[in-house]
């Protein structure tokens, strides 16, 4: 069984305005999510698994929600702290399933039924360091 993650977030994770702890928590959420982004775990259970308080989970979740990487259901659709990963940030069983889901997500974004990710744009990745590092001590 393949396990593919959308490159939209994976390739830009270095540019996200997130703390290291929030990036690490996003990796936990992806690993804990179902294919397509559903998170079948409640916030209090996340806290127990992650080894932090439920308040800490809220703090880690907030910047991910602000960027629409993690989506909260509308209050009338909530089922006890249920969240899901944005389809453009989720993992999928196969490349074909991912491609179909990304096409559907983009159509839903254009139709106004799904918020777009709030990711920084860039024209190219930052340059990789070249040569040997300067390890001189002043």
N, C-alpha and C. Protein backbone atom coordinates (compact mmCIF):
# COMPACT_ATOMS: atom_id res chain seq x y z
N UNK A 1 0.84 -1.17 0.00
CA UNK A 1 0.00 0.00 0.00
C UNK A 1 0.89 1.24 0.00
N UNK A 2 0.64 2.11 -0.94
CA UNK A 2 1.36 3.37 -0.99
C UNK A 2 0.80 4.31 0.07
N UNK A 3 1.52 5.32 0.35
CA UNK A 3 1.05 6.34 1.27
C UNK A 3 1.67 7.63 0.78
N UNK A 4 0.88 8.46 0.09
CA UNK A 4 1.41 9.67 -0.50
C UNK A 4 0.80 10.89 0.16
N UNK A 5 1.61 11.92 0.31
CA UNK A 5 1.13 13.17 0.88
C UNK A 5 1.20 14.24 -0.18
N UNK A 6 0.20 15.08 -0.17
CA UNK A 6 0.16 16.18 -1.11
C UNK A 6 1.45 16.99 -1.01
N UNK A 7 2.10 17.28 -2.14
CA UNK A 7 3.33 18.07 -2.10
C UNK A 7 3.07 19.54 -1.82
N UNK A 8 1.82 19.97 -1.85
CA UNK A 8 1.51 21.39 -1.69
C UNK A 8 1.99 21.91 -0.34
N UNK A 9 1.76 21.13 0.72
CA UNK A 9 2.24 21.52 2.04
C UNK A 9 3.63 20.95 2.28
N UNK A 10 3.84 19.71 1.89
CA UNK A 10 5.11 19.04 2.18
C UNK A 10 6.30 19.81 1.61
N UNK A 11 6.16 20.37 0.42
CA UNK A 11 7.27 21.09 -0.20
C UNK A 11 7.43 22.52 0.30
N UNK A 12 6.41 23.04 0.98
CA UNK A 12 6.48 24.43 1.47
C UNK A 12 6.59 24.50 2.99
N UNK A 13 6.70 23.37 3.65
CA UNK A 13 6.68 23.37 5.11
C UNK A 13 7.79 24.24 5.68
N UNK A 14 8.91 24.34 4.98
CA UNK A 14 10.02 25.18 5.44
C UNK A 14 9.65 26.65 5.45
N UNK A 15 8.68 27.06 4.62
CA UNK A 15 8.32 28.47 4.51
C UNK A 15 7.12 28.85 5.36
N UNK A 16 6.52 27.87 6.03
CA UNK A 16 5.33 28.19 6.81
C UNK A 16 5.69 29.03 8.03
N UNK A 17 4.84 30.00 8.35
CA UNK A 17 5.10 30.82 9.53
C UNK A 17 4.66 30.09 10.80
N UNK A 18 5.32 28.96 11.05
CA UNK A 18 4.98 28.11 12.19
C UNK A 18 6.21 27.87 13.04
N UNK A 19 5.98 27.65 14.32
CA UNK A 19 7.07 27.27 15.21
C UNK A 19 7.45 25.82 14.90
N UNK A 20 8.62 25.43 15.35
CA UNK A 20 9.05 24.05 15.17
C UNK A 20 8.10 23.07 15.84
N UNK A 21 7.54 23.46 16.98
CA UNK A 21 6.61 22.56 17.67
C UNK A 21 5.32 22.40 16.88
N UNK A 22 4.86 23.45 16.20
CA UNK A 22 3.65 23.34 15.39
C UNK A 22 3.90 22.48 14.15
N UNK A 23 5.09 22.59 13.54
CA UNK A 23 5.43 21.75 12.39
C UNK A 23 5.49 20.28 12.83
N UNK A 24 6.09 20.03 13.97
CA UNK A 24 6.16 18.66 14.50
C UNK A 24 4.75 18.13 14.78
N UNK A 25 3.89 18.99 15.32
CA UNK A 25 2.52 18.58 15.61
C UNK A 25 1.76 18.29 14.31
N UNK A 26 2.02 19.08 13.26
CA UNK A 26 1.40 18.81 11.96
C UNK A 26 1.80 17.42 11.47
N UNK A 27 3.06 17.06 11.65
CA UNK A 27 3.51 15.72 11.24
C UNK A 27 2.76 14.64 12.03
N UNK A 28 2.54 14.88 13.33
CA UNK A 28 1.75 13.96 14.14
C UNK A 28 0.34 13.85 13.57
N UNK A 29 -0.29 15.00 13.25
CA UNK A 29 -1.66 14.97 12.74
C UNK A 29 -1.75 14.19 11.43
N UNK A 30 -0.78 14.40 10.54
CA UNK A 30 -0.79 13.67 9.26
C UNK A 30 -0.66 12.18 9.52
N UNK A 31 0.24 11.80 10.42
CA UNK A 31 0.42 10.37 10.71
C UNK A 31 -0.83 9.78 11.36
N UNK A 32 -1.55 10.57 12.11
CA UNK A 32 -2.72 10.10 12.87
C UNK A 32 -4.01 10.16 12.04
N UNK A 33 -3.95 10.88 10.91
CA UNK A 33 -5.15 11.07 10.11
C UNK A 33 -5.45 9.86 9.23
N UNK A 34 -6.71 9.79 8.82
CA UNK A 34 -7.12 8.81 7.82
C UNK A 34 -6.74 9.35 6.45
N UNK A 35 -6.74 8.47 5.44
CA UNK A 35 -6.52 8.93 4.08
C UNK A 35 -7.61 9.94 3.74
N UNK A 36 -7.24 11.06 3.17
CA UNK A 36 -8.18 12.12 2.83
C UNK A 36 -8.28 13.21 3.88
N UNK A 37 -7.68 13.00 5.06
CA UNK A 37 -7.58 14.07 6.04
C UNK A 37 -8.45 13.98 7.27
N UNK A 38 -9.37 13.03 7.34
CA UNK A 38 -10.20 12.93 8.55
C UNK A 38 -9.32 12.60 9.75
N UNK A 39 -9.58 13.27 10.86
CA UNK A 39 -8.84 13.02 12.10
C UNK A 39 -9.80 12.32 13.07
N UNK A 40 -9.67 11.01 13.20
CA UNK A 40 -10.62 10.24 14.00
C UNK A 40 -10.31 10.25 15.50
N UNK A 41 -9.61 11.27 15.95
CA UNK A 41 -9.20 11.32 17.35
C UNK A 41 -9.65 12.65 17.94
N UNK A 42 -10.18 12.59 19.14
CA UNK A 42 -10.65 13.79 19.82
C UNK A 42 -9.46 14.54 20.42
N UNK A 43 -9.68 15.81 20.70
CA UNK A 43 -8.61 16.66 21.21
C UNK A 43 -8.05 16.12 22.52
N UNK A 44 -8.90 15.66 23.41
CA UNK A 44 -8.40 15.14 24.70
C UNK A 44 -7.57 13.88 24.49
N UNK A 45 -7.93 13.07 23.50
CA UNK A 45 -7.15 11.88 23.20
C UNK A 45 -5.82 12.24 22.53
N UNK A 46 -5.84 13.29 21.69
CA UNK A 46 -4.59 13.78 21.11
C UNK A 46 -3.64 14.20 22.22
N UNK A 47 -4.19 14.91 23.21
CA UNK A 47 -3.36 15.39 24.33
C UNK A 47 -2.71 14.22 25.05
N UNK A 48 -3.49 13.16 25.31
CA UNK A 48 -2.94 11.99 25.99
C UNK A 48 -1.87 11.32 25.14
N UNK A 49 -2.13 11.15 23.85
CA UNK A 49 -1.16 10.51 22.96
C UNK A 49 0.10 11.35 22.79
N UNK A 50 -0.08 12.66 22.70
CA UNK A 50 1.04 13.56 22.42
C UNK A 50 1.79 13.95 23.69
N UNK A 51 1.19 13.63 24.83
CA UNK A 51 1.85 13.89 26.11
C UNK A 51 1.80 15.33 26.57
N UNK A 52 0.73 16.04 26.21
CA UNK A 52 0.56 17.43 26.62
C UNK A 52 -0.87 17.63 27.11
N UNK A 53 -1.18 18.81 27.59
CA UNK A 53 -2.53 19.11 28.06
C UNK A 53 -3.45 19.42 26.88
N UNK A 54 -4.76 19.28 27.08
CA UNK A 54 -5.68 19.69 26.00
C UNK A 54 -5.51 21.16 25.62
N UNK A 55 -5.15 22.01 26.59
CA UNK A 55 -4.90 23.42 26.27
C UNK A 55 -3.69 23.57 25.35
N UNK A 56 -2.67 22.75 25.57
CA UNK A 56 -1.50 22.79 24.70
C UNK A 56 -1.88 22.35 23.28
N UNK A 57 -2.75 21.37 23.16
CA UNK A 57 -3.23 20.94 21.83
C UNK A 57 -3.92 22.10 21.14
N UNK A 58 -4.75 22.83 21.89
CA UNK A 58 -5.42 24.00 21.31
C UNK A 58 -4.40 25.01 20.81
N UNK A 59 -3.34 25.23 21.58
CA UNK A 59 -2.29 26.16 21.18
C UNK A 59 -1.53 25.70 19.95
N UNK A 60 -1.30 24.39 19.83
CA UNK A 60 -0.60 23.85 18.66
C UNK A 60 -1.51 23.86 17.43
N UNK A 61 -2.80 23.65 17.66
CA UNK A 61 -3.77 23.57 16.57
C UNK A 61 -4.08 24.95 15.99
N UNK A 62 -4.07 26.00 16.83
CA UNK A 62 -4.51 27.33 16.39
C UNK A 62 -3.77 27.85 15.16
N UNK A 63 -2.43 27.83 15.12
CA UNK A 63 -1.78 28.36 13.91
C UNK A 63 -2.05 27.50 12.67
N UNK A 64 -2.27 26.20 12.87
CA UNK A 64 -2.59 25.33 11.74
C UNK A 64 -3.99 25.64 11.21
N UNK A 65 -4.90 25.96 12.12
CA UNK A 65 -6.25 26.37 11.71
C UNK A 65 -6.22 27.74 11.03
N UNK A 66 -5.38 28.65 11.54
CA UNK A 66 -5.28 29.98 10.94
C UNK A 66 -4.83 29.91 9.48
N UNK A 67 -4.00 28.91 9.16
CA UNK A 67 -3.51 28.73 7.79
C UNK A 67 -4.42 27.84 6.95
N UNK A 68 -5.52 27.37 7.55
CA UNK A 68 -6.48 26.44 6.93
C UNK A 68 -5.86 25.08 6.61
N UNK A 69 -4.74 24.76 7.23
CA UNK A 69 -4.16 23.42 7.06
C UNK A 69 -5.03 22.43 7.82
N UNK A 70 -5.49 22.84 8.99
CA UNK A 70 -6.45 22.05 9.76
C UNK A 70 -7.76 22.81 9.71
N UNK A 71 -8.83 22.09 9.40
CA UNK A 71 -10.15 22.71 9.30
C UNK A 71 -11.01 22.29 10.48
N UNK A 72 -11.68 23.26 11.07
CA UNK A 72 -12.67 22.99 12.11
C UNK A 72 -14.03 22.95 11.44
N UNK A 73 -14.86 22.01 11.81
CA UNK A 73 -16.21 22.03 11.23
C UNK A 73 -16.99 23.22 11.79
N UNK A 74 -17.97 23.66 11.04
CA UNK A 74 -18.85 24.71 11.56
C UNK A 74 -19.50 24.21 12.84
N UNK A 75 -19.85 25.11 13.72
CA UNK A 75 -20.34 24.71 15.05
C UNK A 75 -21.53 23.77 14.97
N UNK A 76 -22.40 23.94 13.99
CA UNK A 76 -23.56 23.03 13.90
C UNK A 76 -23.17 21.64 13.41
N UNK A 77 -21.96 21.50 12.85
CA UNK A 77 -21.50 20.20 12.36
C UNK A 77 -20.51 19.54 13.31
N UNK A 78 -20.17 20.21 14.40
CA UNK A 78 -19.14 19.68 15.30
C UNK A 78 -19.62 18.42 16.00
N UNK A 79 -18.67 17.52 16.15
CA UNK A 79 -18.93 16.28 16.84
C UNK A 79 -17.83 16.11 17.87
N UNK A 80 -17.83 16.95 18.89
CA UNK A 80 -16.83 16.85 19.94
C UNK A 80 -15.41 17.08 19.47
N UNK A 81 -15.04 18.33 19.24
CA UNK A 81 -13.67 18.68 18.86
C UNK A 81 -13.18 17.94 17.62
N UNK A 82 -14.02 17.74 16.65
CA UNK A 82 -13.56 17.04 15.45
C UNK A 82 -12.90 18.03 14.50
N UNK A 83 -11.78 17.62 13.96
CA UNK A 83 -11.01 18.40 13.02
C UNK A 83 -10.71 17.52 11.82
N UNK A 84 -10.27 18.17 10.74
CA UNK A 84 -9.77 17.40 9.60
C UNK A 84 -8.68 18.21 8.93
N UNK A 85 -7.79 17.51 8.28
CA UNK A 85 -6.76 18.17 7.49
C UNK A 85 -7.38 18.66 6.19
N UNK A 86 -6.93 19.80 5.73
CA UNK A 86 -7.38 20.30 4.43
C UNK A 86 -7.02 19.24 3.38
N UNK A 87 -7.89 19.01 2.41
CA UNK A 87 -7.57 18.00 1.38
C UNK A 87 -6.23 18.24 0.69
N UNK A 88 -5.79 19.49 0.60
CA UNK A 88 -4.51 19.78 -0.03
C UNK A 88 -3.33 19.50 0.89
N UNK A 89 -3.60 19.16 2.16
CA UNK A 89 -2.54 18.86 3.13
C UNK A 89 -2.61 17.42 3.62
N UNK A 90 -3.55 16.66 3.11
CA UNK A 90 -3.79 15.31 3.61
C UNK A 90 -2.90 14.27 2.93
N UNK A 91 -2.94 13.07 3.48
CA UNK A 91 -2.25 11.94 2.85
C UNK A 91 -3.31 11.08 2.15
N UNK A 92 -2.84 10.34 1.18
CA UNK A 92 -3.73 9.51 0.37
C UNK A 92 -3.12 8.14 0.17
N UNK A 93 -3.99 7.20 -0.14
CA UNK A 93 -3.54 5.82 -0.29
C UNK A 93 -2.71 5.60 -1.54
N UNK A 94 -3.09 6.30 -2.62
CA UNK A 94 -2.38 6.14 -3.89
C UNK A 94 -2.21 7.50 -4.57
N UNK A 95 -1.26 7.61 -5.49
CA UNK A 95 -1.14 8.86 -6.25
C UNK A 95 -2.42 9.20 -7.01
N UNK A 96 -3.11 8.19 -7.50
CA UNK A 96 -4.35 8.43 -8.24
C UNK A 96 -5.44 8.99 -7.33
N UNK A 97 -5.55 8.46 -6.12
CA UNK A 97 -6.54 8.97 -5.16
C UNK A 97 -6.20 10.41 -4.78
N UNK A 98 -4.90 10.70 -4.63
CA UNK A 98 -4.49 12.06 -4.30
C UNK A 98 -4.84 13.01 -5.44
N UNK A 99 -4.55 12.62 -6.66
CA UNK A 99 -4.84 13.48 -7.81
C UNK A 99 -6.33 13.78 -7.90
N UNK A 100 -7.17 12.77 -7.72
CA UNK A 100 -8.62 12.98 -7.78
C UNK A 100 -9.08 13.91 -6.65
N UNK A 101 -8.54 13.70 -5.45
CA UNK A 101 -8.92 14.53 -4.30
C UNK A 101 -8.46 15.98 -4.49
N UNK A 102 -7.26 16.18 -5.04
CA UNK A 102 -6.77 17.54 -5.26
C UNK A 102 -7.61 18.26 -6.31
N UNK A 103 -8.00 17.54 -7.36
CA UNK A 103 -8.88 18.15 -8.38
C UNK A 103 -10.21 18.57 -7.76
N UNK A 104 -10.79 17.69 -6.94
CA UNK A 104 -12.06 18.01 -6.29
C UNK A 104 -11.90 19.17 -5.32
N UNK A 105 -10.80 19.19 -4.58
CA UNK A 105 -10.57 20.28 -3.62
C UNK A 105 -10.44 21.61 -4.35
N UNK A 106 -9.69 21.64 -5.44
CA UNK A 106 -9.52 22.88 -6.19
C UNK A 106 -10.85 23.37 -6.75
N UNK A 107 -11.69 22.45 -7.22
CA UNK A 107 -13.02 22.83 -7.70
C UNK A 107 -13.86 23.38 -6.55
N UNK A 108 -13.77 22.77 -5.38
CA UNK A 108 -14.53 23.25 -4.21
C UNK A 108 -14.02 24.61 -3.74
N UNK A 109 -12.72 24.84 -3.83
CA UNK A 109 -12.17 26.16 -3.47
C UNK A 109 -12.71 27.21 -4.43
N UNK A 110 -12.67 26.91 -5.73
CA UNK A 110 -13.16 27.86 -6.73
C UNK A 110 -14.65 28.13 -6.56
N UNK A 111 -15.41 27.12 -6.13
CA UNK A 111 -16.86 27.28 -5.93
C UNK A 111 -17.19 27.95 -4.60
N UNK A 112 -16.18 28.16 -3.76
CA UNK A 112 -16.42 28.80 -2.48
C UNK A 112 -16.88 27.86 -1.39
N UNK A 113 -16.79 26.55 -1.63
CA UNK A 113 -17.23 25.56 -0.65
C UNK A 113 -16.13 25.08 0.28
N UNK A 114 -14.90 25.49 0.01
CA UNK A 114 -13.74 25.06 0.79
C UNK A 114 -12.77 26.23 0.86
N UNK A 115 -12.28 26.56 2.06
CA UNK A 115 -11.30 27.66 2.11
C UNK A 115 -9.98 27.23 1.49
N UNK A 116 -9.30 28.19 0.91
CA UNK A 116 -7.99 27.90 0.34
C UNK A 116 -6.95 27.89 1.46
N UNK A 117 -5.86 27.20 1.25
CA UNK A 117 -4.75 27.24 2.19
C UNK A 117 -4.16 28.65 2.18
N UNK A 118 -3.69 29.09 3.32
CA UNK A 118 -3.03 30.39 3.42
C UNK A 118 -1.54 30.15 3.54
N UNK A 119 -0.95 29.70 2.45
CA UNK A 119 0.47 29.39 2.44
C UNK A 119 1.25 30.53 1.79
N UNK A 120 2.47 30.75 2.27
CA UNK A 120 3.29 31.77 1.61
C UNK A 120 3.61 31.34 0.19
N UNK A 121 3.64 32.30 -0.69
CA UNK A 121 4.00 31.98 -2.07
C UNK A 121 5.49 32.21 -2.25
N UNK A 122 6.04 31.48 -3.16
CA UNK A 122 7.45 31.68 -3.48
C UNK A 122 7.66 31.30 -4.93
N UNK A 123 8.64 31.93 -5.53
CA UNK A 123 8.96 31.64 -6.92
C UNK A 123 9.91 30.47 -7.04
N UNK A 124 10.77 30.33 -6.07
CA UNK A 124 11.70 29.21 -6.07
C UNK A 124 12.12 28.94 -4.64
N UNK A 125 12.59 27.75 -4.41
CA UNK A 125 13.07 27.38 -3.08
C UNK A 125 14.33 28.17 -2.77
N UNK A 126 14.60 28.39 -1.48
CA UNK A 126 15.83 29.11 -1.15
C UNK A 126 17.04 28.32 -1.62
N UNK A 127 18.11 29.01 -1.95
CA UNK A 127 19.28 28.29 -2.46
C UNK A 127 19.89 27.38 -1.40
N UNK A 128 20.38 26.26 -1.84
CA UNK A 128 21.07 25.34 -0.94
C UNK A 128 22.48 25.88 -0.71
N UNK A 129 23.01 25.69 0.48
CA UNK A 129 24.38 26.14 0.72
C UNK A 129 25.34 25.39 -0.21
N UNK A 130 26.35 26.11 -0.67
CA UNK A 130 27.35 25.48 -1.54
C UNK A 130 28.70 25.52 -0.86
N UNK A 131 29.53 24.63 -1.25
CA UNK A 131 30.89 24.59 -0.70
C UNK A 131 30.89 24.09 0.74
N UNK A 132 32.03 24.23 1.36
CA UNK A 132 32.17 23.77 2.74
C UNK A 132 31.79 24.88 3.70
N UNK A 133 31.19 24.55 4.82
CA UNK A 133 30.84 25.59 5.78
C UNK A 133 32.09 26.22 6.38
N UNK A 134 31.98 27.50 6.72
CA UNK A 134 33.09 28.21 7.36
C UNK A 134 33.01 27.92 8.86
N UNK A 135 33.91 27.10 9.36
CA UNK A 135 33.87 26.67 10.73
C UNK A 135 34.93 27.36 11.59
N UNK A 136 35.44 28.48 11.14
CA UNK A 136 36.44 29.20 11.90
C UNK A 136 35.81 29.80 13.15
N UNK A 137 36.57 29.80 14.21
CA UNK A 137 36.12 30.41 15.46
C UNK A 137 36.79 31.77 15.58
N UNK A 138 36.00 32.77 15.90
CA UNK A 138 36.55 34.12 16.00
C UNK A 138 37.36 34.29 17.28
